[in-house]
Amino acid sequence: MRLYADAPARRARQVAADLFVLGWAVAWILLGRWVFDLVLTLARPAVPLRSAGTGLSERMEDIAGRIGQVPLVGDQLDAPFVGAAAVGEDLVSAGDQLETSVRTVAWVVSLLTAGTPVLLVLLAWALLRLSWVRRAASLGHEVSDPQSQQLLALRALVRQHPRRLQQVHPDPVAAFRSGDPELLRRLADLELAQVGLRTRR
């Protein structure tokens, strides 16, 4: 399977297109990463929220434990502090949920930011390249075969502009009928040039 043309100019354009697509993808991926980090800054309040919740929960549990040791009434007095400890745990849970939600949003936004333009360009590039590969494959096996070169020369007589045909020979039909391998090869090259290929001498 041919991925690049034989003609230097066509091959250079194909390589340039490949490099452009690669650079385009890298640039948008870097931008997507930057957007991800930017959106993730919205999750910063989750850190002090979790810290405050953890501190409150630990203090209230410690106080509840000490009050619970008071004889007779300890079990009844520690209830408010146990409830306050639960509030601290709720704060920790809220911090976790905030960070998870923001991280999910950051992933979605960054993937849409980077993925959409990358996929569009990759799709266009793949369609153009696959179209060329199929066309080159349909002609490529005929490049070295003399009989196939004759068919390509006949195809050139039908499809190419007369001015281009006359650059090969003043009377292209006579050149074809002569069966001269060199003239047939040159006529075949006109057809192959449409996809950047050339015959093998």
N, C-alpha and C. Protein backbone atom coordinates (compact mmCIF):
# COMPACT_ATOMS: atom_id res chain seq x y z
N MET A 1 0.84 -1.19 0.00
CA MET A 1 0.00 0.00 0.00
C MET A 1 0.88 1.24 0.00
N ARG A 2 0.60 2.13 -0.94
CA ARG A 2 1.36 3.38 -1.03
C ARG A 2 0.76 4.42 -0.10
N LEU A 3 1.63 5.07 0.66
CA LEU A 3 1.17 6.16 1.51
C LEU A 3 1.59 7.52 0.96
N TYR A 4 2.61 7.52 0.12
CA TYR A 4 3.12 8.79 -0.41
C TYR A 4 3.36 8.66 -1.92
N ALA A 5 3.25 9.79 -2.58
CA ALA A 5 3.42 9.84 -4.03
C ALA A 5 4.89 9.71 -4.41
N ASP A 6 5.12 9.37 -5.70
CA ASP A 6 6.48 9.33 -6.22
C ASP A 6 6.98 10.72 -6.55
N ALA A 7 6.09 11.55 -7.06
CA ALA A 7 6.47 12.91 -7.46
C ALA A 7 6.90 13.71 -6.24
N PRO A 8 8.09 14.32 -6.27
CA PRO A 8 8.59 15.03 -5.08
C PRO A 8 7.66 16.14 -4.59
N ALA A 9 7.08 16.91 -5.52
CA ALA A 9 6.20 18.01 -5.10
C ALA A 9 4.96 17.47 -4.41
N ARG A 10 4.36 16.44 -4.99
CA ARG A 10 3.15 15.85 -4.38
C ARG A 10 3.49 15.21 -3.04
N ARG A 11 4.62 14.51 -2.99
CA ARG A 11 5.03 13.87 -1.74
C ARG A 11 5.31 14.93 -0.66
N ALA A 12 5.93 16.05 -1.05
CA ALA A 12 6.21 17.12 -0.09
C ALA A 12 4.91 17.70 0.46
N ARG A 13 3.90 17.85 -0.40
CA ARG A 13 2.61 18.36 0.07
C ARG A 13 1.95 17.37 1.03
N GLN A 14 2.08 16.08 0.72
CA GLN A 14 1.49 15.07 1.61
C GLN A 14 2.18 15.07 2.98
N VAL A 15 3.50 15.14 2.97
CA VAL A 15 4.24 15.18 4.24
C VAL A 15 3.90 16.45 5.01
N ALA A 16 3.80 17.58 4.30
CA ALA A 16 3.43 18.83 4.96
C ALA A 16 2.03 18.74 5.57
N ALA A 17 1.11 18.09 4.85
CA ALA A 17 -0.24 17.91 5.39
C ALA A 17 -0.22 17.03 6.63
N ASP A 18 0.59 15.97 6.61
CA ASP A 18 0.71 15.09 7.78
C ASP A 18 1.25 15.86 8.98
N LEU A 19 2.30 16.67 8.74
CA LEU A 19 2.90 17.44 9.83
C LEU A 19 1.92 18.49 10.35
N PHE A 20 1.15 19.09 9.44
CA PHE A 20 0.16 20.07 9.86
C PHE A 20 -0.89 19.42 10.76
N VAL A 21 -1.39 18.25 10.35
CA VAL A 21 -2.40 17.56 11.14
C VAL A 21 -1.83 17.17 12.51
N LEU A 22 -0.59 16.70 12.52
CA LEU A 22 0.05 16.34 13.79
C LEU A 22 0.18 17.56 14.69
N GLY A 23 0.69 18.67 14.11
CA GLY A 23 0.84 19.90 14.89
C GLY A 23 -0.50 20.43 15.39
N TRP A 24 -1.52 20.35 14.52
CA TRP A 24 -2.87 20.77 14.89
C TRP A 24 -3.38 19.96 16.08
N ALA A 25 -3.20 18.65 16.02
CA ALA A 25 -3.67 17.78 17.11
C ALA A 25 -2.93 18.09 18.41
N VAL A 26 -1.61 18.24 18.33
CA VAL A 26 -0.83 18.52 19.54
C VAL A 26 -1.25 19.86 20.15
N ALA A 27 -1.44 20.87 19.28
CA ALA A 27 -1.81 22.20 19.79
C ALA A 27 -3.16 22.16 20.51
N TRP A 28 -4.14 21.46 19.93
CA TRP A 28 -5.45 21.41 20.56
C TRP A 28 -5.45 20.54 21.80
N ILE A 29 -4.62 19.50 21.82
CA ILE A 29 -4.50 18.67 23.03
C ILE A 29 -3.91 19.49 24.17
N LEU A 30 -2.88 20.30 23.85
CA LEU A 30 -2.30 21.18 24.88
C LEU A 30 -3.32 22.20 25.36
N LEU A 31 -4.10 22.75 24.43
CA LEU A 31 -5.14 23.69 24.82
C LEU A 31 -6.20 23.01 25.69
N GLY A 32 -6.56 21.78 25.33
CA GLY A 32 -7.52 21.03 26.14
C GLY A 32 -6.99 20.78 27.54
N ARG A 33 -5.69 20.49 27.64
CA ARG A 33 -5.07 20.30 28.95
C ARG A 33 -5.13 21.58 29.78
N TRP A 34 -4.87 22.72 29.11
CA TRP A 34 -4.93 24.01 29.80
C TRP A 34 -6.36 24.30 30.28
N VAL A 35 -7.35 24.02 29.44
CA VAL A 35 -8.75 24.22 29.82
C VAL A 35 -9.11 23.32 31.00
N PHE A 36 -8.62 22.07 30.97
CA PHE A 36 -8.88 21.14 32.08
C PHE A 36 -8.36 21.72 33.40
N ASP A 37 -7.10 22.20 33.37
CA ASP A 37 -6.52 22.78 34.60
C ASP A 37 -7.27 24.03 35.03
N LEU A 38 -7.71 24.83 34.04
CA LEU A 38 -8.43 26.06 34.37
C LEU A 38 -9.76 25.75 35.05
N VAL A 39 -10.52 24.80 34.50
CA VAL A 39 -11.80 24.45 35.09
C VAL A 39 -11.60 23.79 36.45
N LEU A 40 -10.51 23.03 36.58
CA LEU A 40 -10.25 22.32 37.84
C LEU A 40 -9.98 23.28 39.00
N THR A 41 -9.60 24.52 38.69
CA THR A 41 -9.39 25.49 39.77
C THR A 41 -10.68 25.78 40.53
N LEU A 42 -11.82 25.51 39.88
CA LEU A 42 -13.10 25.70 40.58
C LEU A 42 -13.27 24.73 41.74
N ALA A 43 -12.47 23.68 41.77
CA ALA A 43 -12.57 22.69 42.85
C ALA A 43 -11.70 23.05 44.05
N ARG A 44 -10.98 24.18 43.98
CA ARG A 44 -10.09 24.54 45.10
C ARG A 44 -10.82 24.70 46.43
N PRO A 45 -12.05 25.24 46.46
CA PRO A 45 -12.75 25.33 47.76
C PRO A 45 -12.98 23.98 48.42
N ALA A 46 -12.87 22.90 47.67
CA ALA A 46 -13.09 21.58 48.26
C ALA A 46 -12.03 21.25 49.30
N VAL A 47 -10.81 21.77 49.13
CA VAL A 47 -9.72 21.44 50.05
C VAL A 47 -9.97 22.04 51.44
N PRO A 48 -10.21 23.36 51.55
CA PRO A 48 -10.51 23.88 52.90
C PRO A 48 -11.82 23.35 53.47
N LEU A 49 -12.77 23.04 52.58
CA LEU A 49 -14.03 22.47 53.05
C LEU A 49 -13.80 21.12 53.71
N ARG A 50 -13.02 20.27 53.07
CA ARG A 50 -12.70 18.97 53.65
C ARG A 50 -11.88 19.12 54.93
N SER A 51 -10.93 20.07 54.88
CA SER A 51 -10.09 20.28 56.06
C SER A 51 -10.92 20.76 57.26
N ALA A 52 -11.82 21.70 56.98
CA ALA A 52 -12.68 22.20 58.07
C ALA A 52 -13.59 21.08 58.58
N GLY A 53 -14.14 20.29 57.66
CA GLY A 53 -15.02 19.20 58.06
C GLY A 53 -14.29 18.17 58.89
N THR A 54 -13.06 17.84 58.47
CA THR A 54 -12.28 16.85 59.22
C THR A 54 -11.93 17.36 60.61
N GLY A 55 -11.51 18.64 60.66
CA GLY A 55 -11.16 19.23 61.97
C GLY A 55 -12.36 19.29 62.90
N LEU A 56 -13.52 19.73 62.37
CA LEU A 56 -14.72 19.80 63.19
C LEU A 56 -15.14 18.43 63.69
N SER A 57 -15.11 17.46 62.82
CA SER A 57 -15.51 16.11 63.19
C SER A 57 -14.60 15.55 64.27
N GLU A 58 -13.29 15.72 64.12
CA GLU A 58 -12.35 15.18 65.11
C GLU A 58 -12.53 15.85 66.46
N ARG A 59 -12.70 17.21 66.45
CA ARG A 59 -12.86 17.92 67.73
C ARG A 59 -14.15 17.50 68.45
N MET A 60 -15.24 17.46 67.67
CA MET A 60 -16.52 17.11 68.28
C MET A 60 -16.53 15.66 68.79
N GLU A 61 -15.89 14.77 68.08
CA GLU A 61 -15.81 13.38 68.54
C GLU A 61 -14.97 13.30 69.82
N ASP A 62 -13.89 14.11 69.85
CA ASP A 62 -13.05 14.12 71.05
C ASP A 62 -13.84 14.65 72.25
N ILE A 63 -14.58 15.75 72.03
CA ILE A 63 -15.37 16.33 73.12
C ILE A 63 -16.47 15.35 73.55
N ALA A 64 -17.14 14.74 72.55
CA ALA A 64 -18.21 13.78 72.87
C ALA A 64 -17.65 12.61 73.67
N GLY A 65 -16.45 12.17 73.33
CA GLY A 65 -15.83 11.07 74.06
C GLY A 65 -15.54 11.43 75.50
N ARG A 66 -15.09 12.68 75.73
CA ARG A 66 -14.78 13.11 77.09
C ARG A 66 -16.05 13.30 77.91
N ILE A 67 -17.06 13.93 77.25
CA ILE A 67 -18.31 14.14 77.98
C ILE A 67 -18.99 12.81 78.27
N GLY A 68 -18.84 11.87 77.38
CA GLY A 68 -19.45 10.56 77.59
C GLY A 68 -18.89 9.83 78.81
N GLN A 69 -17.73 10.26 79.27
CA GLN A 69 -17.13 9.63 80.45
C GLN A 69 -17.67 10.19 81.77
N VAL A 70 -18.48 11.28 81.65
CA VAL A 70 -19.06 11.85 82.88
C VAL A 70 -20.09 10.86 83.44
N PRO A 71 -19.97 10.52 84.68
CA PRO A 71 -20.89 9.52 85.27
C PRO A 71 -22.35 9.99 85.21
N LEU A 72 -23.23 9.06 84.98
CA LEU A 72 -24.68 9.21 85.01
C LEU A 72 -25.26 10.01 83.84
N VAL A 73 -24.74 11.19 83.57
CA VAL A 73 -25.34 12.06 82.54
C VAL A 73 -24.51 12.14 81.27
N GLY A 74 -23.38 11.48 81.24
CA GLY A 74 -22.48 11.59 80.08
C GLY A 74 -23.12 11.15 78.78
N ASP A 75 -23.88 10.06 78.82
CA ASP A 75 -24.51 9.54 77.60
C ASP A 75 -25.55 10.51 77.05
N GLN A 76 -26.15 11.31 77.92
CA GLN A 76 -27.19 12.24 77.47
C GLN A 76 -26.58 13.56 76.98
N LEU A 77 -25.47 13.95 77.55
CA LEU A 77 -24.86 15.24 77.19
C LEU A 77 -24.03 15.20 75.90
N ASP A 78 -23.59 14.02 75.51
CA ASP A 78 -22.69 13.97 74.33
C ASP A 78 -23.44 13.99 73.00
N ALA A 79 -24.78 13.88 73.03
CA ALA A 79 -25.55 13.82 71.78
C ALA A 79 -25.33 15.03 70.86
N PRO A 80 -25.35 16.29 71.36
CA PRO A 80 -25.13 17.44 70.46
C PRO A 80 -23.75 17.42 69.80
N PHE A 81 -22.76 16.93 70.54
CA PHE A 81 -21.41 16.91 69.99
C PHE A 81 -21.25 15.80 68.95
N VAL A 82 -21.95 14.69 69.14
CA VAL A 82 -21.95 13.63 68.14
C VAL A 82 -22.62 14.13 66.86
N GLY A 83 -23.71 14.90 67.04
CA GLY A 83 -24.38 15.49 65.88
C GLY A 83 -23.48 16.47 65.15
N ALA A 84 -22.74 17.27 65.91
CA ALA A 84 -21.81 18.23 65.29
C ALA A 84 -20.70 17.50 64.54
N ALA A 85 -20.25 16.37 65.08
CA ALA A 85 -19.24 15.56 64.37
C ALA A 85 -19.78 15.05 63.05
N ALA A 86 -21.07 14.69 63.04
CA ALA A 86 -21.69 14.24 61.79
C ALA A 86 -21.74 15.36 60.77
N VAL A 87 -21.95 16.61 61.25
CA VAL A 87 -21.93 17.76 60.34
C VAL A 87 -20.55 17.90 59.70
N GLY A 88 -19.51 17.68 60.49
CA GLY A 88 -18.14 17.73 59.95
C GLY A 88 -17.94 16.69 58.85
N GLU A 89 -18.48 15.49 59.09
CA GLU A 89 -18.37 14.44 58.07
C GLU A 89 -19.15 14.83 56.80
N ASP A 90 -20.27 15.52 56.99
CA ASP A 90 -21.04 16.00 55.83
C ASP A 90 -20.24 17.02 55.03
N LEU A 91 -19.48 17.86 55.74
CA LEU A 91 -18.64 18.84 55.06
C LEU A 91 -17.55 18.16 54.23
N VAL A 92 -16.96 17.11 54.81
CA VAL A 92 -15.95 16.33 54.06
C VAL A 92 -16.58 15.71 52.82
N SER A 93 -17.75 15.13 52.97
CA SER A 93 -18.45 14.51 51.85
C SER A 93 -18.80 15.55 50.78
N ALA A 94 -19.23 16.74 51.21
CA ALA A 94 -19.55 17.81 50.26
C ALA A 94 -18.31 18.24 49.49
N GLY A 95 -17.17 18.31 50.19
CA GLY A 95 -15.91 18.65 49.51
C GLY A 95 -15.54 17.61 48.47
N ASP A 96 -15.71 16.34 48.81
CA ASP A 96 -15.42 15.26 47.86
C ASP A 96 -16.34 15.34 46.63
N GLN A 97 -17.62 15.59 46.89
CA GLN A 97 -18.58 15.68 45.79
C GLN A 97 -18.28 16.88 44.89
N LEU A 98 -17.91 17.99 45.51
CA LEU A 98 -17.55 19.18 44.72
C LEU A 98 -16.37 18.90 43.80
N GLU A 99 -15.34 18.29 44.35
CA GLU A 99 -14.15 18.00 43.53
C GLU A 99 -14.48 17.01 42.42
N THR A 100 -15.28 15.98 42.73
CA THR A 100 -15.66 14.99 41.72
C THR A 100 -16.47 15.64 40.60
N SER A 101 -17.42 16.49 40.98
CA SER A 101 -18.27 17.14 39.98
C SER A 101 -17.46 18.07 39.09
N VAL A 102 -16.59 18.87 39.71
CA VAL A 102 -15.77 19.80 38.93
C VAL A 102 -14.82 19.04 38.02
N ARG A 103 -14.25 17.94 38.50
CA ARG A 103 -13.34 17.15 37.67
C ARG A 103 -14.08 16.56 36.47
N THR A 104 -15.32 16.10 36.69
CA THR A 104 -16.12 15.59 35.57
C THR A 104 -16.39 16.67 34.54
N VAL A 105 -16.77 17.85 35.02
CA VAL A 105 -17.02 18.98 34.11
C VAL A 105 -15.73 19.35 33.37
N ALA A 106 -14.61 19.34 34.08
CA ALA A 106 -13.33 19.68 33.45
C ALA A 106 -13.00 18.71 32.32
N TRP A 107 -13.23 17.41 32.55
CA TRP A 107 -12.98 16.40 31.51
C TRP A 107 -13.88 16.64 30.29
N VAL A 108 -15.17 16.88 30.56
CA VAL A 108 -16.11 17.07 29.44
C VAL A 108 -15.74 18.30 28.63
N VAL A 109 -15.48 19.42 29.32
CA VAL A 109 -15.16 20.67 28.62
C VAL A 109 -13.85 20.54 27.84
N SER A 110 -12.83 19.94 28.47
CA SER A 110 -11.53 19.82 27.79
C SER A 110 -11.61 18.86 26.60
N LEU A 111 -12.38 17.78 26.74
CA LEU A 111 -12.52 16.85 25.62
C LEU A 111 -13.28 17.48 24.46
N LEU A 112 -14.32 18.26 24.78
CA LEU A 112 -15.04 18.95 23.72
C LEU A 112 -14.17 20.02 23.07
N THR A 113 -13.39 20.73 23.89
CA THR A 113 -12.53 21.79 23.37
C THR A 113 -11.47 21.24 22.43
N ALA A 114 -10.80 20.16 22.85
CA ALA A 114 -9.72 19.61 22.04
C ALA A 114 -10.23 18.59 21.01
N GLY A 115 -11.20 17.79 21.42
CA GLY A 115 -11.62 16.68 20.56
C GLY A 115 -12.33 17.11 19.30
N THR A 116 -13.19 18.13 19.39
CA THR A 116 -13.97 18.53 18.22
C THR A 116 -13.10 18.98 17.05
N PRO A 117 -12.22 19.98 17.23
CA PRO A 117 -11.40 20.39 16.09
C PRO A 117 -10.42 19.31 15.62
N VAL A 118 -9.90 18.52 16.56
CA VAL A 118 -8.97 17.46 16.17
C VAL A 118 -9.68 16.41 15.33
N LEU A 119 -10.87 15.99 15.77
CA LEU A 119 -11.61 14.97 15.03
C LEU A 119 -12.04 15.47 13.65
N LEU A 120 -12.45 16.72 13.56
CA LEU A 120 -12.87 17.27 12.27
C LEU A 120 -11.72 17.27 11.27
N VAL A 121 -10.55 17.74 11.71
CA VAL A 121 -9.39 17.79 10.81
C VAL A 121 -8.90 16.39 10.49
N LEU A 122 -8.88 15.50 11.49
CA LEU A 122 -8.46 14.12 11.24
C LEU A 122 -9.41 13.43 10.26
N LEU A 123 -10.69 13.70 10.38
CA LEU A 123 -11.66 13.10 9.47
C LEU A 123 -11.43 13.57 8.04
N ALA A 124 -11.27 14.89 7.87
CA ALA A 124 -11.01 15.43 6.53
C ALA A 124 -9.71 14.87 5.97
N TRP A 125 -8.66 14.84 6.80
CA TRP A 125 -7.37 14.33 6.36
C TRP A 125 -7.47 12.86 5.98
N ALA A 126 -8.16 12.07 6.81
CA ALA A 126 -8.28 10.63 6.54
C ALA A 126 -9.06 10.36 5.26
N LEU A 127 -10.13 11.13 5.03
CA LEU A 127 -10.91 10.94 3.80
C LEU A 127 -10.07 11.24 2.57
N LEU A 128 -9.34 12.36 2.62
CA LEU A 128 -8.50 12.73 1.47
C LEU A 128 -7.38 11.70 1.26
N ARG A 129 -6.75 11.29 2.37
CA ARG A 129 -5.63 10.36 2.23
C ARG A 129 -6.10 8.99 1.77
N LEU A 130 -7.22 8.50 2.32
CA LEU A 130 -7.73 7.19 1.91
C LEU A 130 -8.19 7.21 0.46
N SER A 131 -8.76 8.33 0.05
CA SER A 131 -9.16 8.46 -1.35
C SER A 131 -7.93 8.37 -2.26
N TRP A 132 -6.85 9.04 -1.86
CA TRP A 132 -5.63 8.99 -2.66
C TRP A 132 -5.03 7.58 -2.63
N VAL A 133 -5.01 6.96 -1.45
CA VAL A 133 -4.43 5.61 -1.33
C VAL A 133 -5.18 4.63 -2.22
N ARG A 134 -6.51 4.71 -2.23
CA ARG A 134 -7.30 3.81 -3.07
C ARG A 134 -7.02 4.05 -4.55
N ARG A 135 -6.96 5.32 -4.93
CA ARG A 135 -6.70 5.64 -6.33
C ARG A 135 -5.30 5.21 -6.75
N ALA A 136 -4.33 5.47 -5.86
CA ALA A 136 -2.95 5.06 -6.15
C ALA A 136 -2.84 3.55 -6.20
N ALA A 137 -3.58 2.85 -5.32
CA ALA A 137 -3.54 1.39 -5.33
C ALA A 137 -4.13 0.83 -6.62
N SER A 138 -5.17 1.49 -7.12
CA SER A 138 -5.80 1.00 -8.36
C SER A 138 -4.89 1.19 -9.56
N LEU A 139 -3.98 2.19 -9.48
CA LEU A 139 -3.06 2.43 -10.59
C LEU A 139 -1.66 1.89 -10.32
N GLY A 140 -1.32 1.78 -9.03
CA GLY A 140 0.07 1.46 -8.67
C GLY A 140 0.55 0.13 -9.19
N HIS A 141 -0.33 -0.89 -9.24
CA HIS A 141 0.12 -2.20 -9.70
C HIS A 141 0.34 -2.22 -11.21
N GLU A 142 -0.11 -1.15 -11.88
CA GLU A 142 0.06 -1.09 -13.33
C GLU A 142 1.32 -0.32 -13.73
N VAL A 143 2.06 0.18 -12.76
CA VAL A 143 3.19 1.05 -13.06
C VAL A 143 4.28 0.34 -13.84
N SER A 144 4.59 -0.90 -13.49
CA SER A 144 5.73 -1.59 -14.10
C SER A 144 5.34 -2.53 -15.23
N ASP A 145 4.09 -2.83 -15.39
CA ASP A 145 3.64 -3.80 -16.39
C ASP A 145 3.48 -3.11 -17.75
N PRO A 146 4.21 -3.56 -18.80
CA PRO A 146 4.11 -2.91 -20.11
C PRO A 146 2.69 -2.89 -20.68
N GLN A 147 1.96 -3.98 -20.52
CA GLN A 147 0.59 -3.99 -21.04
C GLN A 147 -0.30 -3.01 -20.28
N SER A 148 -0.09 -2.93 -19.00
CA SER A 148 -0.86 -1.97 -18.20
C SER A 148 -0.47 -0.54 -18.55
N GLN A 149 0.80 -0.34 -18.86
CA GLN A 149 1.23 0.99 -19.29
C GLN A 149 0.51 1.39 -20.58
N GLN A 150 0.30 0.42 -21.44
CA GLN A 150 -0.43 0.71 -22.68
C GLN A 150 -1.87 1.12 -22.37
N LEU A 151 -2.49 0.45 -21.41
CA LEU A 151 -3.84 0.83 -21.00
C LEU A 151 -3.86 2.23 -20.38
N LEU A 152 -2.83 2.53 -19.59
CA LEU A 152 -2.74 3.86 -18.99
C LEU A 152 -2.54 4.93 -20.06
N ALA A 153 -1.74 4.58 -21.09
CA ALA A 153 -1.53 5.52 -22.19
C ALA A 153 -2.84 5.79 -22.93
N LEU A 154 -3.62 4.73 -23.17
CA LEU A 154 -4.93 4.90 -23.82
C LEU A 154 -5.85 5.74 -22.94
N ARG A 155 -5.80 5.49 -21.65
CA ARG A 155 -6.62 6.27 -20.73
C ARG A 155 -6.22 7.74 -20.77
N ALA A 156 -4.92 8.00 -20.89
CA ALA A 156 -4.44 9.38 -20.98
C ALA A 156 -4.95 10.05 -22.25
N LEU A 157 -5.00 9.30 -23.37
CA LEU A 157 -5.52 9.87 -24.61
C LEU A 157 -6.97 10.33 -24.45
N VAL A 158 -7.71 9.61 -23.65
CA VAL A 158 -9.13 9.93 -23.46
C VAL A 158 -9.32 11.06 -22.45
N ARG A 159 -8.52 11.07 -21.39
CA ARG A 159 -8.80 11.96 -20.26
C ARG A 159 -7.96 13.22 -20.21
N GLN A 160 -6.77 13.19 -20.77
CA GLN A 160 -5.87 14.33 -20.63
C GLN A 160 -6.17 15.43 -21.64
N HIS A 161 -5.79 16.65 -21.29
CA HIS A 161 -5.97 17.80 -22.18
C HIS A 161 -5.06 17.64 -23.40
N PRO A 162 -5.56 17.96 -24.60
CA PRO A 162 -4.75 17.80 -25.82
C PRO A 162 -3.40 18.50 -25.74
N ARG A 163 -3.36 19.65 -25.10
CA ARG A 163 -2.09 20.38 -25.01
C ARG A 163 -1.04 19.57 -24.25
N ARG A 164 -1.46 18.90 -23.18
CA ARG A 164 -0.53 18.07 -22.41
C ARG A 164 -0.09 16.86 -23.24
N LEU A 165 -1.02 16.29 -24.00
CA LEU A 165 -0.68 15.14 -24.84
C LEU A 165 0.32 15.53 -25.93
N GLN A 166 0.16 16.72 -26.47
CA GLN A 166 1.06 17.17 -27.53
C GLN A 166 2.45 17.51 -27.01
N GLN A 167 2.58 17.68 -25.71
CA GLN A 167 3.92 17.86 -25.13
C GLN A 167 4.72 16.56 -25.18
N VAL A 168 4.00 15.45 -25.21
CA VAL A 168 4.66 14.14 -25.34
C VAL A 168 5.03 13.88 -26.81
N HIS A 169 4.07 14.18 -27.70
CA HIS A 169 4.29 13.94 -29.13
C HIS A 169 3.31 14.83 -29.89
N PRO A 170 3.75 15.41 -31.01
CA PRO A 170 2.83 16.28 -31.78
C PRO A 170 1.53 15.56 -32.19
N ASP A 171 1.62 14.25 -32.44
CA ASP A 171 0.44 13.47 -32.80
C ASP A 171 0.31 12.33 -31.78
N PRO A 172 -0.40 12.58 -30.67
CA PRO A 172 -0.46 11.58 -29.59
C PRO A 172 -1.08 10.26 -30.02
N VAL A 173 -2.07 10.30 -30.91
CA VAL A 173 -2.71 9.07 -31.38
C VAL A 173 -1.71 8.22 -32.15
N ALA A 174 -0.96 8.88 -33.03
CA ALA A 174 0.06 8.17 -33.80
C ALA A 174 1.12 7.59 -32.87
N ALA A 175 1.46 8.36 -31.82
CA ALA A 175 2.44 7.86 -30.86
C ALA A 175 1.92 6.61 -30.17
N PHE A 176 0.64 6.61 -29.86
CA PHE A 176 0.06 5.44 -29.21
C PHE A 176 0.06 4.24 -30.17
N ARG A 177 -0.33 4.50 -31.40
CA ARG A 177 -0.41 3.41 -32.37
C ARG A 177 0.96 2.84 -32.72
N SER A 178 1.99 3.68 -32.57
CA SER A 178 3.34 3.20 -32.92
C SER A 178 3.80 2.09 -32.00
N GLY A 179 3.25 2.07 -30.77
CA GLY A 179 3.67 1.04 -29.81
C GLY A 179 5.05 1.26 -29.24
N ASP A 180 5.64 2.41 -29.48
CA ASP A 180 6.96 2.74 -28.94
C ASP A 180 6.89 2.73 -27.40
N PRO A 181 7.65 1.85 -26.75
CA PRO A 181 7.57 1.74 -25.28
C PRO A 181 7.85 3.05 -24.57
N GLU A 182 8.80 3.84 -25.11
CA GLU A 182 9.13 5.11 -24.45
C GLU A 182 7.97 6.09 -24.56
N LEU A 183 7.34 6.17 -25.73
CA LEU A 183 6.20 7.07 -25.91
C LEU A 183 5.01 6.60 -25.07
N LEU A 184 4.79 5.30 -25.03
CA LEU A 184 3.70 4.77 -24.21
C LEU A 184 3.94 5.07 -22.72
N ARG A 185 5.20 4.93 -22.32
CA ARG A 185 5.53 5.22 -20.92
C ARG A 185 5.27 6.68 -20.60
N ARG A 186 5.63 7.57 -21.52
CA ARG A 186 5.43 9.00 -21.28
C ARG A 186 3.94 9.35 -21.25
N LEU A 187 3.17 8.70 -22.11
CA LEU A 187 1.72 8.91 -22.08
C LEU A 187 1.11 8.38 -20.77
N ALA A 188 1.59 7.20 -20.36
CA ALA A 188 1.11 6.63 -19.10
C ALA A 188 1.47 7.52 -17.92
N ASP A 189 2.64 8.16 -18.00
CA ASP A 189 3.05 9.05 -16.91
C ASP A 189 2.11 10.24 -16.76
N LEU A 190 1.53 10.68 -17.89
CA LEU A 190 0.56 11.78 -17.79
C LEU A 190 -0.63 11.38 -16.93
N GLU A 191 -1.08 10.15 -17.08
CA GLU A 191 -2.22 9.68 -16.30
C GLU A 191 -1.82 9.43 -14.84
N LEU A 192 -0.65 8.83 -14.67
CA LEU A 192 -0.18 8.55 -13.31
C LEU A 192 0.12 9.82 -12.54
N ALA A 193 0.51 10.88 -13.26
CA ALA A 193 0.85 12.14 -12.60
C ALA A 193 -0.35 12.73 -11.84
N GLN A 194 -1.56 12.32 -12.22
CA GLN A 194 -2.75 12.83 -11.55
C GLN A 194 -2.76 12.43 -10.08
N VAL A 195 -2.11 11.33 -9.74
CA VAL A 195 -2.03 10.91 -8.34
C VAL A 195 -0.60 10.94 -7.82
N GLY A 196 0.31 11.57 -8.60
CA GLY A 196 1.68 11.70 -8.14
C GLY A 196 2.52 10.47 -8.31
N LEU A 197 2.10 9.53 -9.19
CA LEU A 197 2.90 8.34 -9.44
C LEU A 197 3.62 8.48 -10.76
N ARG A 198 4.53 7.57 -11.02
CA ARG A 198 5.22 7.54 -12.32
C ARG A 198 5.60 6.11 -12.63
N THR A 199 5.80 5.82 -13.91
CA THR A 199 6.18 4.48 -14.32
C THR A 199 7.62 4.21 -13.91
N ARG A 200 7.96 2.93 -13.84
CA ARG A 200 9.33 2.51 -13.55
C ARG A 200 10.05 2.25 -14.85
N ARG A 201 11.17 2.90 -15.03
CA ARG A 201 11.92 2.70 -16.27
C ARG A 201 12.69 1.41 -16.22
